[in-house]
């Protein structure tokens, strides 16, 4: 099918994705005092699994669920499960702005890993973008080797896991539908969550205070990915992904308003370098795609 170009509609869907991601972050922090990250992931996956099954049955698309690539699904979901747990942990111990700034390094890791796992070309522009992004990461993280910060490390490792997840997802989408991918994502991570949350023989059940937030986490997670996928179907990535950068200043604002987190110049500078790297890479990809299209004419 020809690619659509409806930037206004796509931007609105992208804003929906941003709102959902931020809602999940706030809800995750609110329940972190009662539930550990494995319990949060268990309840999130349970809600997501029920919704995916119900929707696929209602739309009669359950036949799209395949079992031929289970090892790849296991690898992808183990990465995502690890990254998501690290992300929820980081939310509870470091400022929201730092979490999202470090999460935005995920595309930088994709630049470096895609040539190895997807056979994509590593150009000079991509190397410059990666260098800018990693420099920004060091400024945001400000590593102190004399005093290890587990929250910073968790957020940085989460970004690396998300990069691996994106690469694995891209490989899977060549052969499988979103229904199949989402079914195995929620189903496998539900099992992983139950095993990890119950390894000590105890799982804290939702309370009247945490249940609404846990439901919000489950709904927001699915909503965010649905809005993002829809946005990318309505306009090129080079048009839509920059809208996602609104997440960063909004995360700083929410941290300041709700949790009295201070805005630090170093974090803002580092975040600006990371975003500059992503914009540089997007423009390079857009230019390459345009040149390839002209050569086919």
Protein backbone atom coordinates (compact mmCIF):
# COMPACT_ATOMS: atom_id res chain seq x y z
CA UNK A 1 0.00 0.00 0.00
CA UNK A 2 1.27 3.55 -0.71
CA UNK A 3 2.48 5.45 2.32
CA UNK A 4 -0.03 7.99 3.59
CA UNK A 5 0.97 11.54 4.39
CA UNK A 6 -1.47 13.01 6.91
CA UNK A 7 0.87 14.85 9.29
CA UNK A 8 -1.83 16.59 11.35
CA UNK A 9 -3.73 13.38 12.10
CA UNK A 10 -0.47 11.54 12.74
CA UNK A 11 0.71 14.25 15.13
CA UNK A 12 -2.53 13.97 17.12
CA UNK A 13 -2.05 10.20 17.43
CA UNK A 14 1.55 10.83 18.50
CA UNK A 15 0.38 13.24 21.20
CA UNK A 16 -1.93 10.47 22.41
CA UNK A 17 1.09 8.19 22.66
CA UNK A 18 2.99 10.83 24.65
CA UNK A 19 0.11 11.28 27.11
CA UNK A 20 -0.15 7.50 27.58
CA UNK A 21 3.60 7.06 28.22
CA UNK A 22 3.63 9.90 30.76
CA UNK A 23 0.51 8.54 32.48
CA UNK A 24 2.20 5.15 32.77
CA UNK A 25 5.29 6.78 34.27
CA UNK A 26 3.30 8.66 36.92
CA UNK A 27 1.19 5.59 37.74
CA UNK A 28 4.34 3.46 37.98
CA UNK A 29 5.87 5.84 40.50
CA UNK A 30 2.65 5.97 42.52
CA UNK A 31 2.54 2.17 43.05
CA UNK A 32 6.29 1.67 43.51
CA UNK A 33 6.04 1.97 47.30
CA UNK A 34 3.60 -0.97 47.45
CA UNK A 35 4.52 -3.21 44.52
CA UNK A 36 7.95 -4.21 43.25
CA UNK A 37 8.71 -3.94 39.54
CA UNK A 38 7.97 -7.63 38.88
CA UNK A 39 4.51 -7.28 40.41
CA UNK A 40 3.85 -4.14 38.37
CA UNK A 41 4.84 -5.99 35.18
CA UNK A 42 2.67 -8.98 36.13
CA UNK A 43 -0.48 -6.90 36.53
CA UNK A 44 0.33 -4.81 33.46
CA UNK A 45 0.80 -7.92 31.33
CA UNK A 46 -2.35 -9.55 32.72
CA UNK A 47 -4.47 -6.54 31.77
CA UNK A 48 -2.81 -6.33 28.37
CA UNK A 49 -3.21 -10.07 27.70
CA UNK A 50 -6.94 -9.99 28.46
CA UNK A 51 -7.44 -6.97 26.17
CA UNK A 52 -5.38 -8.44 23.31
CA UNK A 53 -7.25 -11.77 23.48
CA UNK A 54 -10.65 -10.07 23.65
CA UNK A 55 -9.93 -7.72 20.74
CA UNK A 56 -8.38 -10.40 18.52
CA UNK A 57 -11.39 -12.67 19.10
CA UNK A 58 -13.89 -9.85 18.55
CA UNK A 59 -12.20 -8.87 15.29
CA UNK A 60 -11.74 -12.54 14.31
CA UNK A 61 -7.98 -12.09 13.90
CA UNK A 62 -6.88 -14.75 16.38
CA UNK A 63 -5.86 -16.99 13.48
CA UNK A 64 -2.94 -14.60 12.87
CA UNK A 65 -1.22 -15.81 16.06
CA UNK A 66 1.72 -17.99 14.98
CA UNK A 67 3.93 -20.44 16.85
CA UNK A 68 6.67 -20.87 14.24
CA UNK A 69 8.99 -18.22 15.71
CA UNK A 70 8.64 -18.79 19.44
CA UNK A 71 12.40 -18.61 20.15
CA UNK A 72 12.51 -15.13 18.58
CA UNK A 73 9.49 -14.06 20.62
CA UNK A 74 11.12 -15.39 23.80
CA UNK A 75 14.32 -13.44 23.06
CA UNK A 76 12.41 -10.24 22.24
CA UNK A 77 10.16 -10.42 25.28
CA UNK A 78 13.00 -11.30 27.66
CA UNK A 79 14.75 -8.11 26.50
CA UNK A 80 11.59 -6.01 26.81
CA UNK A 81 10.71 -7.52 30.20
CA UNK A 82 14.18 -6.71 31.50
CA UNK A 83 14.12 -3.18 30.09
CA UNK A 84 10.63 -2.44 31.41
CA UNK A 85 11.51 -3.62 34.90
CA UNK A 86 14.64 -1.48 34.91
CA UNK A 87 12.54 1.48 33.67
CA UNK A 88 9.95 1.10 36.44
CA UNK A 89 12.75 0.82 39.01
CA UNK A 90 14.44 3.97 37.70
CA UNK A 91 11.15 5.88 37.88
CA UNK A 92 11.05 5.35 41.63
CA UNK A 93 14.60 6.48 42.43
CA UNK A 94 15.70 9.23 39.99
CA UNK A 95 13.94 12.32 38.53
CA UNK A 96 11.47 11.75 35.68
CA UNK A 97 13.45 14.04 33.39
CA UNK A 98 16.57 11.92 33.76
CA UNK A 99 14.64 8.70 33.13
CA UNK A 100 13.17 9.99 29.87
CA UNK A 101 16.42 11.64 28.76
CA UNK A 102 18.26 8.34 29.14
CA UNK A 103 15.39 6.43 27.53
CA UNK A 104 15.76 8.63 24.43
CA UNK A 105 19.23 7.14 23.90
CA UNK A 106 17.52 3.96 22.65
CA UNK A 107 17.59 5.15 18.98
CA UNK A 108 21.33 5.78 19.36
CA UNK A 109 21.87 2.15 20.37
CA UNK A 110 19.71 1.08 17.42
CA UNK A 111 22.07 3.01 15.11
CA UNK A 112 25.03 1.05 16.47
CA UNK A 113 23.35 -2.37 16.68
CA UNK A 114 21.29 -2.39 13.46
CA UNK A 115 24.33 -2.98 11.20
CA UNK A 116 25.17 -6.09 13.23
CA UNK A 117 21.71 -7.64 13.53
CA UNK A 118 19.78 -6.19 10.55
CA UNK A 119 22.58 -5.66 8.05
CA UNK A 120 21.94 -1.90 7.80
CA UNK A 121 24.71 0.46 6.68
CA UNK A 122 26.57 2.48 9.31
CA UNK A 123 27.24 5.85 7.63
CA UNK A 124 29.43 8.73 8.76
CA UNK A 125 26.32 10.76 9.67
CA UNK A 126 25.03 7.94 11.84
CA UNK A 127 28.38 7.72 13.60
CA UNK A 128 28.30 11.46 14.30
CA UNK A 129 24.73 11.12 15.61
CA UNK A 130 25.78 8.23 17.85
CA UNK A 131 28.73 10.23 19.20
CA UNK A 132 26.48 13.22 19.96
CA UNK A 133 23.93 11.01 21.64
CA UNK A 134 26.44 9.18 23.80
CA UNK A 135 28.04 12.50 24.80
CA UNK A 136 24.63 13.73 25.86
CA UNK A 137 24.13 10.52 27.83
CA UNK A 138 27.33 11.08 29.79
CA UNK A 139 26.26 14.65 30.60
CA UNK A 140 22.82 13.48 31.79
CA UNK A 141 24.16 10.53 33.75
CA UNK A 142 27.28 12.30 35.11
CA UNK A 143 28.79 8.98 36.19
CA UNK A 144 30.63 9.08 39.49
CA UNK A 145 32.75 5.96 39.59
CA UNK A 146 33.38 6.51 43.29
CA UNK A 147 29.62 6.40 44.05
CA UNK A 148 27.62 4.05 41.83
CA UNK A 149 24.05 5.25 41.15
CA UNK A 150 21.78 2.24 40.53
CA UNK A 151 18.92 4.41 39.26
CA UNK A 152 21.04 5.99 36.50
CA UNK A 153 22.46 2.58 35.58
CA UNK A 154 18.96 1.08 35.44
CA UNK A 155 17.63 3.81 33.13
CA UNK A 156 20.67 3.52 30.83
CA UNK A 157 20.43 -0.27 30.64
CA UNK A 158 16.66 0.00 30.03
CA UNK A 159 17.38 2.13 26.95
CA UNK A 160 19.80 -0.52 25.67
CA UNK A 161 17.20 -3.24 26.23
CA UNK A 162 14.55 -1.18 24.41
CA UNK A 163 16.94 -0.77 21.47
CA UNK A 164 17.36 -4.54 21.28
CA UNK A 165 13.59 -4.95 21.55
CA UNK A 166 13.03 -2.54 18.64
CA UNK A 167 15.51 -4.41 16.46
CA UNK A 168 13.90 -7.76 17.31
CA UNK A 169 10.43 -6.31 16.65
CA UNK A 170 11.48 -4.96 13.27
CA UNK A 171 12.75 -8.42 12.33
CA UNK A 172 9.51 -10.06 13.49
CA UNK A 173 7.22 -7.62 11.65
CA UNK A 174 8.66 -8.86 8.36
CA UNK A 175 6.83 -12.16 8.94
CA UNK A 176 4.19 -11.67 11.64
CA UNK A 177 1.23 -9.40 12.32
CA UNK A 178 0.91 -6.97 15.21
CA UNK A 179 -1.76 -9.26 16.72
CA UNK A 180 0.67 -12.15 16.97
CA UNK A 181 3.46 -9.96 18.34
CA UNK A 182 1.21 -8.36 20.98
CA UNK A 183 -0.26 -11.74 22.00
CA UNK A 184 3.15 -13.23 22.70
CA UNK A 185 4.39 -9.98 24.25
CA UNK A 186 1.68 -9.85 26.88
CA UNK A 187 1.38 -13.63 27.35
CA UNK A 188 5.07 -14.37 27.76
CA UNK A 189 5.69 -11.36 29.97
CA UNK A 190 2.75 -12.37 32.16
CA UNK A 191 4.47 -15.72 32.77
CA UNK A 192 7.85 -14.04 33.33
CA UNK A 193 6.25 -11.61 35.76
CA UNK A 194 4.51 -14.35 37.74
CA UNK A 195 7.74 -16.36 38.02
CA UNK A 196 9.86 -13.40 39.11
CA UNK A 197 7.25 -11.83 41.37
CA UNK A 198 6.46 -15.13 43.07
CA UNK A 199 9.98 -16.53 43.45
CA UNK A 200 9.89 -15.67 47.16
CA UNK A 201 6.46 -17.26 47.61
CA UNK A 202 4.66 -13.94 48.00
CA UNK A 203 2.93 -11.59 45.57
CA UNK A 204 1.40 -8.38 46.92
CA UNK A 205 -2.15 -8.16 45.63
CA UNK A 206 -3.57 -4.83 44.45
CA UNK A 207 -5.07 -2.62 47.12
CA UNK A 208 -7.90 -0.14 46.75
CA UNK A 209 -5.23 2.57 46.41
CA UNK A 210 -3.01 0.81 43.86
CA UNK A 211 -5.61 -0.98 41.70
CA UNK A 212 -6.64 2.14 39.70
CA UNK A 213 -2.98 2.93 38.98
CA UNK A 214 -2.23 -0.67 37.94
CA UNK A 215 -5.19 -0.63 35.57
CA UNK A 216 -3.95 2.70 34.20
CA UNK A 217 -0.48 1.19 33.62
CA UNK A 218 -1.97 -1.71 31.65
CA UNK A 219 -4.27 0.48 29.56
CA UNK A 220 -1.65 3.19 29.01
CA UNK A 221 0.96 0.70 27.82
CA UNK A 222 -1.32 -0.71 25.12
CA UNK A 223 -2.67 2.73 24.21
CA UNK A 224 0.80 4.20 23.79
CA UNK A 225 1.94 1.51 21.38
CA UNK A 226 -1.34 1.57 19.44
CA UNK A 227 -1.17 5.36 19.04
CA UNK A 228 2.48 5.19 18.00
CA UNK A 229 1.80 2.48 15.41
CA UNK A 230 -1.18 4.40 14.04
CA UNK A 231 0.82 7.63 13.80
CA UNK A 232 3.59 5.90 11.86
CA UNK A 233 1.00 4.50 9.46
CA UNK A 234 -0.29 8.00 8.66
CA UNK A 235 2.98 9.83 7.97
CA UNK A 236 6.72 9.14 7.54
CA UNK A 237 8.79 8.52 10.66
CA UNK A 238 10.89 11.61 9.93
CA UNK A 239 7.75 13.71 10.33
CA UNK A 240 6.28 11.97 13.36
CA UNK A 241 9.16 10.96 15.63
CA UNK A 242 10.21 14.59 16.37
CA UNK A 243 6.75 15.11 17.92
CA UNK A 244 7.71 12.49 20.50
CA UNK A 245 10.42 14.86 21.75
CA UNK A 246 7.64 16.70 23.60
CA UNK A 247 7.83 13.86 26.11
CA UNK A 248 11.09 15.19 27.50
CA UNK A 249 10.07 18.76 28.51
CA UNK A 250 6.71 17.41 29.68
CA UNK A 251 8.50 14.85 31.88
CA UNK A 252 10.60 17.66 33.39
CA UNK A 253 7.42 19.69 33.98
CA UNK A 254 5.55 16.80 35.62
CA UNK A 255 8.52 16.01 37.84
CA UNK A 256 8.67 19.65 38.91
CA UNK A 257 4.91 20.04 39.48
CA UNK A 258 4.11 16.70 41.15
CA UNK A 259 7.37 15.70 42.83
CA UNK A 260 9.21 19.01 43.35
CA UNK A 261 12.14 17.84 41.18
CA UNK A 262 14.64 20.53 40.26
CA UNK A 263 15.53 21.36 36.65
CA UNK A 264 19.30 20.95 36.31
CA UNK A 265 21.18 22.69 33.51
CA UNK A 266 23.43 19.66 32.88
CA UNK A 267 20.45 17.37 32.34
CA UNK A 268 18.81 19.86 29.97
CA UNK A 269 22.06 20.27 28.00
CA UNK A 270 22.58 16.52 27.76
CA UNK A 271 18.99 15.98 26.69
CA UNK A 272 19.41 18.63 23.97
CA UNK A 273 22.45 16.78 22.60
CA UNK A 274 20.55 13.47 22.59
CA UNK A 275 17.61 15.02 20.73
CA UNK A 276 19.98 16.70 18.26
CA UNK A 277 21.52 13.31 17.52
CA UNK A 278 18.12 11.75 16.85
CA UNK A 279 17.08 14.65 14.57
CA UNK A 280 20.36 14.34 12.65
CA UNK A 281 19.78 10.64 12.12
CA UNK A 282 16.15 11.16 11.07
CA UNK A 283 17.14 13.76 8.49
CA UNK A 284 19.87 11.52 7.13
CA UNK A 285 17.42 8.63 6.79
CA UNK A 286 14.83 10.87 5.12
CA UNK A 287 17.44 12.14 2.64
CA UNK A 288 18.60 8.60 1.84
CA UNK A 289 15.01 7.47 1.26
CA UNK A 290 14.34 10.43 -1.06
CA UNK A 291 17.50 9.70 -3.09
CA UNK A 292 16.56 6.03 -3.37
CA UNK A 293 13.08 6.98 -4.60
CA UNK A 294 14.51 9.33 -7.23
CA UNK A 295 16.82 6.61 -8.53
CA UNK A 296 13.84 4.32 -9.11
CA UNK A 297 12.06 6.89 -11.30
